[in-house]
């Protein structure tokens, strides 16, 4: 897992992007955009942005934090990106992109849960 720790700055960067995108998408949804697609993408971004910050900050206490954060971030990108592509481009990213993203987010959260059983070396 230590090799993944070099990717920690990416986690914080994506968290900031997700937070900003979530607010912007909520605004777009409330000003005439497709509330179903944009609202759901906004919600996914806004839910996972603070989770990524927490995993970034708590990586020493949760040995699986970096891997979990990367999976959650990838899943959020795929899921929300697919919804945005449907809204703005008229079609998804690729077949099964949203379900793949959702499954990846779920896997990331399960990796967080697995961290409860991995001892942190001191």
PDB file of N, CA and C in Angstrom:
ATOM      1  N   UNK A   1       0.812  -1.192   0.000  1.00  0.00           N
ATOM      2  CA  UNK A   1       0.000   0.000   0.000  1.00  0.00           C
ATOM      3  C   UNK A   1       0.863   1.267   0.000  1.00  0.00           C
ATOM      4  N   UNK A   2       2.114   1.165   0.429  1.00  0.00           N
ATOM      5  CA  UNK A   2       2.952   2.354   0.483  1.00  0.00           C
ATOM      6  C   UNK A   2       3.206   2.938  -0.900  1.00  0.00           C
ATOM      7  N   UNK A   3       3.231   2.096  -1.928  1.00  0.00           N
ATOM      8  CA  UNK A   3       3.434   2.605  -3.285  1.00  0.00           C
ATOM      9  C   UNK A   3       2.297   3.533  -3.690  1.00  0.00           C
ATOM     10  N   UNK A   4       1.113   3.269  -3.200  1.00  0.00           N
ATOM     11  CA  UNK A   4      -0.039   4.111  -3.524  1.00  0.00           C
ATOM     12  C   UNK A   4       0.019   5.467  -2.826  1.00  0.00           C
ATOM     13  N   UNK A   5       0.778   5.558  -1.742  1.00  0.00           N
ATOM     14  CA  UNK A   5       0.825   6.805  -0.993  1.00  0.00           C
ATOM     15  C   UNK A   5       1.365   7.971  -1.815  1.00  0.00           C
ATOM     16  N   UNK A   6       2.106   7.682  -2.874  1.00  0.00           N
ATOM     17  CA  UNK A   6       2.571   8.749  -3.762  1.00  0.00           C
ATOM     18  C   UNK A   6       1.421   9.413  -4.507  1.00  0.00           C
ATOM     19  N   UNK A   7       0.279   8.748  -4.554  1.00  0.00           N
ATOM     20  CA  UNK A   7      -0.890   9.284  -5.244  1.00  0.00           C
ATOM     21  C   UNK A   7      -1.796  10.104  -4.326  1.00  0.00           C
ATOM     22  N   UNK A   8      -1.402  10.249  -3.063  1.00  0.00           N
ATOM     23  CA  UNK A   8      -2.240  10.980  -2.116  1.00  0.00           C
ATOM     24  C   UNK A   8      -2.570  12.397  -2.569  1.00  0.00           C
ATOM     25  N   UNK A   9      -1.627  13.174  -3.126  1.00  0.00           N
ATOM     26  CA  UNK A   9      -2.006  14.525  -3.580  1.00  0.00           C
ATOM     27  C   UNK A   9      -3.126  14.506  -4.623  1.00  0.00           C
ATOM     28  N   UNK A  10      -3.165  13.470  -5.453  1.00  0.00           N
ATOM     29  CA  UNK A  10      -4.237  13.336  -6.431  1.00  0.00           C
ATOM     30  C   UNK A  10      -5.595  13.220  -5.734  1.00  0.00           C
ATOM     31  N   UNK A  11      -5.629  12.534  -4.604  1.00  0.00           N
ATOM     32  CA  UNK A  11      -6.878  12.366  -3.850  1.00  0.00           C
ATOM     33  C   UNK A  11      -7.399  13.724  -3.384  1.00  0.00           C
ATOM     34  N   UNK A  12      -6.530  14.534  -2.834  1.00  0.00           N
ATOM     35  CA  UNK A  12      -6.945  15.860  -2.370  1.00  0.00           C
ATOM     36  C   UNK A  12      -7.366  16.734  -3.548  1.00  0.00           C
ATOM     37  N   UNK A  13      -6.636  16.670  -4.647  1.00  0.00           N
ATOM     38  CA  UNK A  13      -6.973  17.420  -5.854  1.00  0.00           C
ATOM     39  C   UNK A  13      -8.367  17.035  -6.354  1.00  0.00           C
ATOM     40  N   UNK A  14      -8.629  15.728  -6.462  1.00  0.00           N
ATOM     41  CA  UNK A  14      -9.935  15.263  -6.929  1.00  0.00           C
ATOM     42  C   UNK A  14     -11.039  15.649  -5.960  1.00  0.00           C
ATOM     43  N   UNK A  15     -10.744  15.636  -4.681  1.00  0.00           N
ATOM     44  CA  UNK A  15     -11.738  16.053  -3.699  1.00  0.00           C
ATOM     45  C   UNK A  15     -12.173  17.496  -3.946  1.00  0.00           C
ATOM     46  N   UNK A  16     -11.206  18.358  -4.178  1.00  0.00           N
ATOM     47  CA  UNK A  16     -11.531  19.751  -4.477  1.00  0.00           C
ATOM     48  C   UNK A  16     -12.334  19.900  -5.759  1.00  0.00           C
ATOM     49  N   UNK A  17     -11.947  19.142  -6.779  1.00  0.00           N
ATOM     50  CA  UNK A  17     -12.697  19.192  -8.036  1.00  0.00           C
ATOM     51  C   UNK A  17     -14.120  18.671  -7.861  1.00  0.00           C
ATOM     52  N   UNK A  18     -14.263  17.579  -7.107  1.00  0.00           N
ATOM     53  CA  UNK A  18     -15.600  17.030  -6.874  1.00  0.00           C
ATOM     54  C   UNK A  18     -16.472  18.019  -6.110  1.00  0.00           C
ATOM     55  N   UNK A  19     -15.892  18.667  -5.109  1.00  0.00           N
ATOM     56  CA  UNK A  19     -16.669  19.654  -4.352  1.00  0.00           C
ATOM     57  C   UNK A  19     -17.130  20.798  -5.238  1.00  0.00           C
ATOM     58  N   UNK A  20     -16.213  21.345  -6.028  1.00  0.00           N
ATOM     59  CA  UNK A  20     -16.568  22.445  -6.933  1.00  0.00           C
ATOM     60  C   UNK A  20     -17.589  21.994  -7.976  1.00  0.00           C
ATOM     61  N   UNK A  21     -17.354  20.812  -8.555  1.00  0.00           N
ATOM     62  CA  UNK A  21     -18.280  20.297  -9.567  1.00  0.00           C
ATOM     63  C   UNK A  21     -19.658  20.038  -8.967  1.00  0.00           C
ATOM     64  N   UNK A  22     -19.676  19.524  -7.754  1.00  0.00           N
ATOM     65  CA  UNK A  22     -20.959  19.249  -7.112  1.00  0.00           C
ATOM     66  C   UNK A  22     -21.797  20.497  -6.929  1.00  0.00           C
ATOM     67  N   UNK A  23     -21.170  21.576  -6.518  1.00  0.00           N
ATOM     68  CA  UNK A  23     -21.894  22.845  -6.347  1.00  0.00           C
ATOM     69  C   UNK A  23     -22.345  23.381  -7.705  1.00  0.00           C
ATOM     70  N   UNK A  24     -21.443  23.355  -8.687  1.00  0.00           N
ATOM     71  CA  UNK A  24     -21.790  23.851 -10.018  1.00  0.00           C
ATOM     72  C   UNK A  24     -22.914  23.029 -10.649  1.00  0.00           C
ATOM     73  N   UNK A  25     -22.866  21.716 -10.475  1.00  0.00           N
ATOM     74  CA  UNK A  25     -23.905  20.857 -11.039  1.00  0.00           C
ATOM     75  C   UNK A  25     -25.243  21.064 -10.343  1.00  0.00           C
ATOM     76  N   UNK A  26     -25.214  21.311  -9.045  1.00  0.00           N
ATOM     77  CA  UNK A  26     -26.460  21.605  -8.334  1.00  0.00           C
ATOM     78  C   UNK A  26     -27.075  22.891  -8.867  1.00  0.00           C
ATOM     79  N   UNK A  27     -26.237  23.880  -9.111  1.00  0.00           N
ATOM     80  CA  UNK A  27     -26.735  25.139  -9.672  1.00  0.00           C
ATOM     81  C   UNK A  27     -27.311  24.918 -11.067  1.00  0.00           C
ATOM     82  N   UNK A  28     -26.594  24.155 -11.887  1.00  0.00           N
ATOM     83  CA  UNK A  28     -27.076  23.878 -13.244  1.00  0.00           C
ATOM     84  C   UNK A  28     -28.408  23.133 -13.213  1.00  0.00           C
ATOM     85  N   UNK A  29     -28.527  22.183 -12.299  1.00  0.00           N
ATOM     86  CA  UNK A  29     -29.771  21.418 -12.192  1.00  0.00           C
ATOM     87  C   UNK A  29     -30.934  22.300 -11.757  1.00  0.00           C
ATOM     88  N   UNK A  30     -30.646  23.281 -10.915  1.00  0.00           N
ATOM     89  CA  UNK A  30     -31.728  24.134 -10.414  1.00  0.00           C
ATOM     90  C   UNK A  30     -32.086  25.256 -11.380  1.00  0.00           C
ATOM     91  N   UNK A  31     -31.280  25.450 -12.416  1.00  0.00           N
ATOM     92  CA  UNK A  31     -31.546  26.523 -13.385  1.00  0.00           C
ATOM     93  C   UNK A  31     -31.917  25.977 -14.754  1.00  0.00           C
ATOM     94  N   UNK A  32     -32.648  24.885 -14.770  1.00  0.00           N
ATOM     95  CA  UNK A  32     -33.194  24.403 -16.018  1.00  0.00           C
ATOM     96  C   UNK A  32     -32.519  23.196 -16.630  1.00  0.00           C
ATOM     97  N   UNK A  33     -31.463  22.702 -16.032  1.00  0.00           N
ATOM     98  CA  UNK A  33     -30.839  21.477 -16.547  1.00  0.00           C
ATOM     99  C   UNK A  33     -31.654  20.267 -16.141  1.00  0.00           C
ATOM    100  N   UNK A  34     -31.287  19.133 -16.633  1.00  0.00           N
ATOM    101  CA  UNK A  34     -31.962  17.882 -16.282  1.00  0.00           C
ATOM    102  C   UNK A  34     -31.646  17.563 -14.821  1.00  0.00           C
ATOM    103  N   UNK A  35     -32.608  17.838 -13.964  1.00  0.00           N
ATOM    104  CA  UNK A  35     -32.392  17.673 -12.519  1.00  0.00           C
ATOM    105  C   UNK A  35     -32.081  16.227 -12.155  1.00  0.00           C
ATOM    106  N   UNK A  36     -32.621  15.288 -12.904  1.00  0.00           N
ATOM    107  CA  UNK A  36     -32.368  13.876 -12.595  1.00  0.00           C
ATOM    108  C   UNK A  36     -30.901  13.543 -12.835  1.00  0.00           C
ATOM    109  N   UNK A  37     -30.372  13.902 -13.980  1.00  0.00           N
ATOM    110  CA  UNK A  37     -28.976  13.576 -14.296  1.00  0.00           C
ATOM    111  C   UNK A  37     -27.999  14.489 -13.554  1.00  0.00           C
ATOM    112  N   UNK A  38     -28.208  15.796 -13.670  1.00  0.00           N
ATOM    113  CA  UNK A  38     -27.276  16.736 -13.043  1.00  0.00           C
ATOM    114  C   UNK A  38     -27.360  16.687 -11.520  1.00  0.00           C
ATOM    115  N   UNK A  39     -28.561  16.529 -10.993  1.00  0.00           N
ATOM    116  CA  UNK A  39     -28.736  16.451  -9.541  1.00  0.00           C
ATOM    117  C   UNK A  39     -28.071  15.216  -8.948  1.00  0.00           C
ATOM    118  N   UNK A  40     -28.203  14.095  -9.650  1.00  0.00           N
ATOM    119  CA  UNK A  40     -27.570  12.872  -9.163  1.00  0.00           C
ATOM    120  C   UNK A  40     -26.048  12.975  -9.250  1.00  0.00           C
ATOM    121  N   UNK A  41     -25.531  13.519 -10.343  1.00  0.00           N
ATOM    122  CA  UNK A  41     -24.082  13.711 -10.466  1.00  0.00           C
ATOM    123  C   UNK A  41     -23.579  14.653  -9.376  1.00  0.00           C
ATOM    124  N   UNK A  42     -24.335  15.724  -9.126  1.00  0.00           N
ATOM    125  CA  UNK A  42     -23.973  16.667  -8.063  1.00  0.00           C
ATOM    126  C   UNK A  42     -23.912  15.978  -6.707  1.00  0.00           C
ATOM    127  N   UNK A  43     -24.924  15.197  -6.420  1.00  0.00           N
ATOM    128  CA  UNK A  43     -24.984  14.502  -5.132  1.00  0.00           C
ATOM    129  C   UNK A  43     -23.792  13.556  -4.952  1.00  0.00           C
ATOM    130  N   UNK A  44     -23.462  12.796  -5.985  1.00  0.00           N
ATOM    131  CA  UNK A  44     -22.324  11.870  -5.885  1.00  0.00           C
ATOM    132  C   UNK A  44     -21.029  12.635  -5.627  1.00  0.00           C
ATOM    133  N   UNK A  45     -20.844  13.738  -6.326  1.00  0.00           N
ATOM    134  CA  UNK A  45     -19.628  14.541  -6.130  1.00  0.00           C
ATOM    135  C   UNK A  45     -19.585  15.132  -4.719  1.00  0.00           C
ATOM    136  N   UNK A  46     -20.716  15.696  -4.280  1.00  0.00           N
ATOM    137  CA  UNK A  46     -20.736  16.342  -2.963  1.00  0.00           C
ATOM    138  C   UNK A  46     -20.635  15.346  -1.808  1.00  0.00           C
ATOM    139  N   UNK A  47     -21.122  14.148  -1.998  1.00  0.00           N
ATOM    140  CA  UNK A  47     -21.014  13.121  -0.959  1.00  0.00           C
ATOM    141  C   UNK A  47     -19.572  12.623  -0.839  1.00  0.00           C
ATOM    142  N   UNK A  48     -18.929  12.417  -1.975  1.00  0.00           N
ATOM    143  CA  UNK A  48     -17.607  11.796  -1.943  1.00  0.00           C
ATOM    144  C   UNK A  48     -16.460  12.781  -1.742  1.00  0.00           C
ATOM    145  N   UNK A  49     -16.671  14.066  -2.031  1.00  0.00           N
ATOM    146  CA  UNK A  49     -15.591  15.049  -1.826  1.00  0.00           C
ATOM    147  C   UNK A  49     -15.102  15.073  -0.371  1.00  0.00           C
ATOM    148  N   UNK A  50     -15.987  15.227   0.613  1.00  0.00           N
ATOM    149  CA  UNK A  50     -15.482  15.229   1.995  1.00  0.00           C
ATOM    150  C   UNK A  50     -14.965  13.864   2.447  1.00  0.00           C
ATOM    151  N   UNK A  51     -15.512  12.796   1.889  1.00  0.00           N
ATOM    152  CA  UNK A  51     -14.993  11.463   2.227  1.00  0.00           C
ATOM    153  C   UNK A  51     -13.549  11.332   1.758  1.00  0.00           C
ATOM    154  N   UNK A  52     -13.244  11.864   0.581  1.00  0.00           N
ATOM    155  CA  UNK A  52     -11.869  11.808   0.085  1.00  0.00           C
ATOM    156  C   UNK A  52     -10.933  12.641   0.952  1.00  0.00           C
ATOM    157  N   UNK A  53     -11.413  13.798   1.416  1.00  0.00           N
ATOM    158  CA  UNK A  53     -10.588  14.615   2.321  1.00  0.00           C
ATOM    159  C   UNK A  53     -10.293  13.821   3.595  1.00  0.00           C
ATOM    160  N   UNK A  54     -11.308  13.162   4.130  1.00  0.00           N
ATOM    161  CA  UNK A  54     -11.122  12.378   5.358  1.00  0.00           C
ATOM    162  C   UNK A  54     -10.140  11.226   5.136  1.00  0.00           C
ATOM    163  N   UNK A  55     -10.257  10.552   4.012  1.00  0.00           N
ATOM    164  CA  UNK A  55      -9.331   9.452   3.722  1.00  0.00           C
ATOM    165  C   UNK A  55      -7.917   9.983   3.473  1.00  0.00           C
ATOM    166  N   UNK A  56      -7.817  11.135   2.848  1.00  0.00           N
ATOM    167  CA  UNK A  56      -6.506  11.770   2.650  1.00  0.00           C
ATOM    168  C   UNK A  56      -5.867  12.076   3.995  1.00  0.00           C
ATOM    169  N   UNK A  57      -6.638  12.668   4.887  1.00  0.00           N
ATOM    170  CA  UNK A  57      -6.111  13.071   6.197  1.00  0.00           C
ATOM    171  C   UNK A  57      -5.852  11.880   7.114  1.00  0.00           C
ATOM    172  N   UNK A  58      -6.649  10.826   6.986  1.00  0.00           N
ATOM    173  CA  UNK A  58      -6.547   9.710   7.913  1.00  0.00           C
ATOM    174  C   UNK A  58      -5.777   8.515   7.407  1.00  0.00           C
ATOM    175  N   UNK A  59      -4.938   8.731   6.409  1.00  0.00           N
ATOM    176  CA  UNK A  59      -4.280   7.580   5.792  1.00  0.00           C
ATOM    177  C   UNK A  59      -3.352   6.831   6.744  1.00  0.00           C
ATOM    178  N   UNK A  60      -2.829   7.480   7.758  1.00  0.00           N
ATOM    179  CA  UNK A  60      -1.951   6.769   8.703  1.00  0.00           C
ATOM    180  C   UNK A  60      -2.751   5.866   9.642  1.00  0.00           C
ATOM    181  N   UNK A  61      -3.968   6.245   9.923  1.00  0.00           N
ATOM    182  CA  UNK A  61      -4.799   5.460  10.834  1.00  0.00           C
ATOM    183  C   UNK A  61      -5.564   4.351  10.116  1.00  0.00           C
ATOM    184  N   UNK A  62      -5.848   4.554   8.840  1.00  0.00           N
ATOM    185  CA  UNK A  62      -6.598   3.568   8.056  1.00  0.00           C
ATOM    186  C   UNK A  62      -5.678   3.107   6.936  1.00  0.00           C
ATOM    187  N   UNK A  63      -5.108   1.927   7.087  1.00  0.00           N
ATOM    188  CA  UNK A  63      -4.117   1.443   6.128  1.00  0.00           C
ATOM    189  C   UNK A  63      -4.675   1.310   4.716  1.00  0.00           C
ATOM    190  N   UNK A  64      -5.957   1.158   4.577  1.00  0.00           N
ATOM    191  CA  UNK A  64      -6.562   1.010   3.257  1.00  0.00           C
ATOM    192  C   UNK A  64      -7.047   2.340   2.680  1.00  0.00           C
ATOM    193  N   UNK A  65      -6.765   3.439   3.355  1.00  0.00           N
ATOM    194  CA  UNK A  65      -7.330   4.744   2.971  1.00  0.00           C
ATOM    195  C   UNK A  65      -6.973   5.152   1.553  1.00  0.00           C
ATOM    196  N   UNK A  66      -5.723   5.013   1.168  1.00  0.00           N
ATOM    197  CA  UNK A  66      -5.314   5.486  -0.152  1.00  0.00           C
ATOM    198  C   UNK A  66      -5.974   4.657  -1.252  1.00  0.00           C
ATOM    199  N   UNK A  67      -5.936   3.347  -1.128  1.00  0.00           N
ATOM    200  CA  UNK A  67      -6.584   2.493  -2.126  1.00  0.00           C
ATOM    201  C   UNK A  67      -8.085   2.763  -2.170  1.00  0.00           C
ATOM    202  N   UNK A  68      -8.709   2.859  -1.007  1.00  0.00           N
ATOM    203  CA  UNK A  68     -10.146   3.124  -0.950  1.00  0.00           C
ATOM    204  C   UNK A  68     -10.479   4.457  -1.615  1.00  0.00           C
ATOM    205  N   UNK A  69      -9.704   5.482  -1.311  1.00  0.00           N
ATOM    206  CA  UNK A  69      -9.955   6.808  -1.890  1.00  0.00           C
ATOM    207  C   UNK A  69      -9.812   6.781  -3.409  1.00  0.00           C
ATOM    208  N   UNK A  70      -8.806   6.084  -3.900  1.00  0.00           N
ATOM    209  CA  UNK A  70      -8.620   5.997  -5.350  1.00  0.00           C
ATOM    210  C   UNK A  70      -9.789   5.274  -6.023  1.00  0.00           C
ATOM    211  N   UNK A  71     -10.277   4.214  -5.407  1.00  0.00           N
ATOM    212  CA  UNK A  71     -11.426   3.499  -5.961  1.00  0.00           C
ATOM    213  C   UNK A  71     -12.681   4.368  -5.926  1.00  0.00           C
ATOM    214  N   UNK A  72     -12.907   5.033  -4.811  1.00  0.00           N
ATOM    215  CA  UNK A  72     -14.078   5.913  -4.693  1.00  0.00           C
ATOM    216  C   UNK A  72     -13.994   7.040  -5.716  1.00  0.00           C
ATOM    217  N   UNK A  73     -12.811   7.623  -5.879  1.00  0.00           N
ATOM    218  CA  UNK A  73     -12.639   8.713  -6.842  1.00  0.00           C
ATOM    219  C   UNK A  73     -12.874   8.225  -8.274  1.00  0.00           C
ATOM    220  N   UNK A  74     -12.296   7.084  -8.622  1.00  0.00           N
ATOM    221  CA  UNK A  74     -12.488   6.540  -9.969  1.00  0.00           C
ATOM    222  C   UNK A  74     -13.966   6.240 -10.214  1.00  0.00           C
ATOM    223  N   UNK A  75     -14.606   5.627  -9.229  1.00  0.00           N
ATOM    224  CA  UNK A  75     -16.028   5.324  -9.372  1.00  0.00           C
ATOM    225  C   UNK A  75     -16.870   6.574  -9.533  1.00  0.00           C
ATOM    226  N   UNK A  76     -16.553   7.607  -8.765  1.00  0.00           N
ATOM    227  CA  UNK A  76     -17.297   8.864  -8.866  1.00  0.00           C
ATOM    228  C   UNK A  76     -17.096   9.507 -10.234  1.00  0.00           C
ATOM    229  N   UNK A  77     -15.854   9.472 -10.726  1.00  0.00           N
ATOM    230  CA  UNK A  77     -15.575  10.013 -12.068  1.00  0.00           C
ATOM    231  C   UNK A  77     -16.371   9.271 -13.141  1.00  0.00           C
ATOM    232  N   UNK A  78     -16.372   7.950 -13.071  1.00  0.00           N
ATOM    233  CA  UNK A  78     -17.100   7.164 -14.069  1.00  0.00           C
ATOM    234  C   UNK A  78     -18.604   7.388 -13.977  1.00  0.00           C
ATOM    235  N   UNK A  79     -19.139   7.303 -12.771  1.00  0.00           N
ATOM    236  CA  UNK A  79     -20.582   7.423 -12.577  1.00  0.00           C
ATOM    237  C   UNK A  79     -21.062   8.817 -12.969  1.00  0.00           C
ATOM    238  N   UNK A  80     -20.460   9.837 -12.370  1.00  0.00           N
ATOM    239  CA  UNK A  80     -20.893  11.209 -12.651  1.00  0.00           C
ATOM    240  C   UNK A  80     -20.558  11.606 -14.082  1.00  0.00           C
ATOM    241  N   UNK A  81     -19.383  11.182 -14.559  1.00  0.00           N
ATOM    242  CA  UNK A  81     -19.011  11.485 -15.940  1.00  0.00           C
ATOM    243  C   UNK A  81     -19.990  10.912 -16.937  1.00  0.00           C
ATOM    244  N   UNK A  82     -20.483   9.716 -16.688  1.00  0.00           N
ATOM    245  CA  UNK A  82     -21.455   9.105 -17.581  1.00  0.00           C
ATOM    246  C   UNK A  82     -22.758   9.901 -17.582  1.00  0.00           C
ATOM    247  N   UNK A  83     -23.210  10.327 -16.394  1.00  0.00           N
ATOM    248  CA  UNK A  83     -24.435  11.126 -16.324  1.00  0.00           C
ATOM    249  C   UNK A  83     -24.263  12.457 -17.042  1.00  0.00           C
ATOM    250  N   UNK A  84     -23.093  13.075 -16.881  1.00  0.00           N
ATOM    251  CA  UNK A  84     -22.833  14.345 -17.556  1.00  0.00           C
ATOM    252  C   UNK A  84     -22.759  14.162 -19.068  1.00  0.00           C
ATOM    253  N   UNK A  85     -22.137  13.077 -19.512  1.00  0.00           N
ATOM    254  CA  UNK A  85     -22.084  12.803 -20.948  1.00  0.00           C
ATOM    255  C   UNK A  85     -23.492  12.614 -21.511  1.00  0.00           C
ATOM    256  N   UNK A  86     -24.339  11.933 -20.772  1.00  0.00           N
ATOM    257  CA  UNK A  86     -25.725  11.741 -21.223  1.00  0.00           C
ATOM    258  C   UNK A  86     -26.444  13.077 -21.353  1.00  0.00           C
ATOM    259  N   UNK A  87     -26.204  13.973 -20.382  1.00  0.00           N
ATOM    260  CA  UNK A  87     -26.881  15.276 -20.412  1.00  0.00           C
ATOM    261  C   UNK A  87     -26.331  16.169 -21.522  1.00  0.00           C
ATOM    262  N   UNK A  88     -25.006  16.330 -21.562  1.00  0.00           N
ATOM    263  CA  UNK A  88     -24.400  17.302 -22.466  1.00  0.00           C
ATOM    264  C   UNK A  88     -24.103  16.762 -23.868  1.00  0.00           C
ATOM    265  N   UNK A  89     -23.861  15.469 -23.980  1.00  0.00           N
ATOM    266  CA  UNK A  89     -23.483  14.895 -25.271  1.00  0.00           C
ATOM    267  C   UNK A  89     -24.570  14.019 -25.887  1.00  0.00           C
ATOM    268  N   UNK A  90     -25.590  13.711 -25.109  1.00  0.00           N
ATOM    269  CA  UNK A  90     -26.681  12.896 -25.621  1.00  0.00           C
ATOM    270  C   UNK A  90     -26.447  11.399 -25.548  1.00  0.00           C
ATOM    271  N   UNK A  91     -25.327  10.973 -24.981  1.00  0.00           N
ATOM    272  CA  UNK A  91     -25.042   9.547 -24.835  1.00  0.00           C
ATOM    273  C   UNK A  91     -23.994   9.335 -23.759  1.00  0.00           C
ATOM    274  N   UNK A  92     -23.949   8.134 -23.216  1.00  0.00           N
ATOM    275  CA  UNK A  92     -23.030   7.824 -22.135  1.00  0.00           C
ATOM    276  C   UNK A  92     -21.581   7.725 -22.594  1.00  0.00           C
ATOM    277  N   UNK A  93     -20.680   7.599 -21.625  1.00  0.00           N
ATOM    278  CA  UNK A  93     -19.252   7.466 -21.915  1.00  0.00           C
ATOM    279  C   UNK A  93     -18.962   6.194 -22.691  1.00  0.00           C
ATOM    280  N   UNK A  94     -19.477   5.086 -22.200  1.00  0.00           N
ATOM    281  CA  UNK A  94     -19.358   3.777 -22.838  1.00  0.00           C
ATOM    282  C   UNK A  94     -20.413   2.892 -22.185  1.00  0.00           C
ATOM    283  N   UNK A  95     -20.768   1.778 -22.813  1.00  0.00           N
ATOM    284  CA  UNK A  95     -21.798   0.918 -22.218  1.00  0.00           C
ATOM    285  C   UNK A  95     -21.425   0.496 -20.790  1.00  0.00           C
ATOM    286  N   UNK A  96     -22.370   0.622 -19.897  1.00  0.00           N
ATOM    287  CA  UNK A  96     -22.227   0.211 -18.495  1.00  0.00           C
ATOM    288  C   UNK A  96     -21.260   1.101 -17.696  1.00  0.00           C
ATOM    289  N   UNK A  97     -20.994   2.313 -18.162  1.00  0.00           N
ATOM    290  CA  UNK A  97     -20.072   3.198 -17.438  1.00  0.00           C
ATOM    291  C   UNK A  97     -20.617   3.552 -16.054  1.00  0.00           C
ATOM    292  N   UNK A  98     -21.876   3.968 -15.978  1.00  0.00           N
ATOM    293  CA  UNK A  98     -22.444   4.344 -14.676  1.00  0.00           C
ATOM    294  C   UNK A  98     -22.488   3.157 -13.712  1.00  0.00           C
ATOM    295  N   UNK A  99     -22.976   1.988 -14.134  1.00  0.00           N
ATOM    296  CA  UNK A  99     -22.947   0.851 -13.209  1.00  0.00           C
ATOM    297  C   UNK A  99     -21.531   0.438 -12.802  1.00  0.00           C
ATOM    298  N   UNK A 100     -20.584   0.549 -13.729  1.00  0.00           N
ATOM    299  CA  UNK A 100     -19.190   0.239 -13.389  1.00  0.00           C
ATOM    300  C   UNK A 100     -18.679   1.231 -12.351  1.00  0.00           C
ATOM    301  N   UNK A 101     -19.003   2.498 -12.539  1.00  0.00           N
ATOM    302  CA  UNK A 101     -18.616   3.514 -11.561  1.00  0.00           C
ATOM    303  C   UNK A 101     -19.259   3.278 -10.210  1.00  0.00           C
ATOM    304  N   UNK A 102     -20.534   2.951 -10.214  1.00  0.00           N
ATOM    305  CA  UNK A 102     -21.230   2.668  -8.956  1.00  0.00           C
ATOM    306  C   UNK A 102     -20.629   1.474  -8.236  1.00  0.00           C
ATOM    307  N   UNK A 103     -20.335   0.428  -8.985  1.00  0.00           N
ATOM    308  CA  UNK A 103     -19.720  -0.764  -8.398  1.00  0.00           C
ATOM    309  C   UNK A 103     -18.334  -0.436  -7.844  1.00  0.00           C
ATOM    310  N   UNK A 104     -17.598   0.400  -8.544  1.00  0.00           N
ATOM    311  CA  UNK A 104     -16.265   0.790  -8.085  1.00  0.00           C
ATOM    312  C   UNK A 104     -16.355   1.612  -6.800  1.00  0.00           C
ATOM    313  N   UNK A 105     -17.355   2.489  -6.709  1.00  0.00           N
ATOM    314  CA  UNK A 105     -17.552   3.243  -5.457  1.00  0.00           C
ATOM    315  C   UNK A 105     -17.870   2.300  -4.306  1.00  0.00           C
ATOM    316  N   UNK A 106     -18.750   1.348  -4.552  1.00  0.00           N
ATOM    317  CA  UNK A 106     -19.102   0.371  -3.516  1.00  0.00           C
ATOM    318  C   UNK A 106     -17.857  -0.399  -3.079  1.00  0.00           C
ATOM    319  N   UNK A 107     -17.055  -0.831  -4.037  1.00  0.00           N
ATOM    320  CA  UNK A 107     -15.819  -1.545  -3.716  1.00  0.00           C
ATOM    321  C   UNK A 107     -14.897  -0.666  -2.863  1.00  0.00           C
ATOM    322  N   UNK A 108     -14.799   0.604  -3.216  1.00  0.00           N
ATOM    323  CA  UNK A 108     -13.988   1.528  -2.415  1.00  0.00           C
ATOM    324  C   UNK A 108     -14.458   1.616  -0.979  1.00  0.00           C
ATOM    325  N   UNK A 109     -15.758   1.688  -0.785  1.00  0.00           N
ATOM    326  CA  UNK A 109     -16.291   1.742   0.585  1.00  0.00           C
ATOM    327  C   UNK A 109     -16.044   0.425   1.325  1.00  0.00           C
ATOM    328  N   UNK A 110     -16.086  -0.692   0.618  1.00  0.00           N
ATOM    329  CA  UNK A 110     -15.767  -1.969   1.261  1.00  0.00           C
ATOM    330  C   UNK A 110     -14.292  -2.044   1.638  1.00  0.00           C
ATOM    331  N   UNK A 111     -13.435  -1.416   0.853  1.00  0.00           N
ATOM    332  CA  UNK A 111     -12.010  -1.349   1.199  1.00  0.00           C
ATOM    333  C   UNK A 111     -11.826  -0.482   2.451  1.00  0.00           C
ATOM    334  N   UNK A 112     -12.628   0.580   2.589  1.00  0.00           N
ATOM    335  CA  UNK A 112     -12.605   1.356   3.839  1.00  0.00           C
ATOM    336  C   UNK A 112     -12.958   0.437   5.008  1.00  0.00           C
ATOM    337  N   UNK A 113     -14.033  -0.327   4.855  1.00  0.00           N
ATOM    338  CA  UNK A 113     -14.466  -1.236   5.928  1.00  0.00           C
ATOM    339  C   UNK A 113     -13.408  -2.268   6.243  1.00  0.00           C
ATOM    340  N   UNK A 114     -12.731  -2.782   5.230  1.00  0.00           N
ATOM    341  CA  UNK A 114     -11.666  -3.777   5.458  1.00  0.00           C
ATOM    342  C   UNK A 114     -10.529  -3.194   6.282  1.00  0.00           C
ATOM    343  N   UNK A 115     -10.345  -1.884   6.186  1.00  0.00           N
ATOM    344  CA  UNK A 115      -9.304  -1.223   6.950  1.00  0.00           C
ATOM    345  C   UNK A 115      -9.462  -1.387   8.451  1.00  0.00           C
ATOM    346  N   UNK A 116     -10.660  -1.684   8.901  1.00  0.00           N
ATOM    347  CA  UNK A 116     -10.889  -1.901  10.327  1.00  0.00           C
ATOM    348  C   UNK A 116     -10.161  -3.136  10.830  1.00  0.00           C
ATOM    349  N   UNK A 117      -9.822  -4.047   9.944  1.00  0.00           N
ATOM    350  CA  UNK A 117      -9.213  -5.316  10.338  1.00  0.00           C
ATOM    351  C   UNK A 117      -7.726  -5.395  10.029  1.00  0.00           C
ATOM    352  N   UNK A 118      -7.160  -4.323   9.512  1.00  0.00           N
ATOM    353  CA  UNK A 118      -5.734  -4.291   9.200  1.00  0.00           C
ATOM    354  C   UNK A 118      -5.039  -3.422  10.224  1.00  0.00           C
ATOM    355  N   UNK A 119      -4.133  -4.026  10.947  1.00  0.00           N
ATOM    356  CA  UNK A 119      -3.418  -3.299  12.007  1.00  0.00           C
ATOM    357  C   UNK A 119      -2.474  -2.280  11.403  1.00  0.00           C
ATOM    358  N   UNK A 120      -2.433  -1.141  12.053  1.00  0.00           N
ATOM    359  CA  UNK A 120      -1.519  -0.093  11.646  1.00  0.00           C
ATOM    360  C   UNK A 120      -0.225  -0.301  12.386  1.00  0.00           C
ATOM    361  N   UNK A 121       0.885  -0.437  11.652  1.00  0.00           N
ATOM    362  CA  UNK A 121       2.194  -0.605  12.289  1.00  0.00           C
ATOM    363  C   UNK A 121       2.669   0.692  12.897  1.00  0.00           C
ATOM    364  N   UNK A 122       3.210   0.618  14.066  1.00  0.00           N
ATOM    365  CA  UNK A 122       3.719   1.818  14.750  1.00  0.00           C
ATOM    366  C   UNK A 122       5.197   1.667  14.984  1.00  0.00           C
TER     367      UNK A 122
END
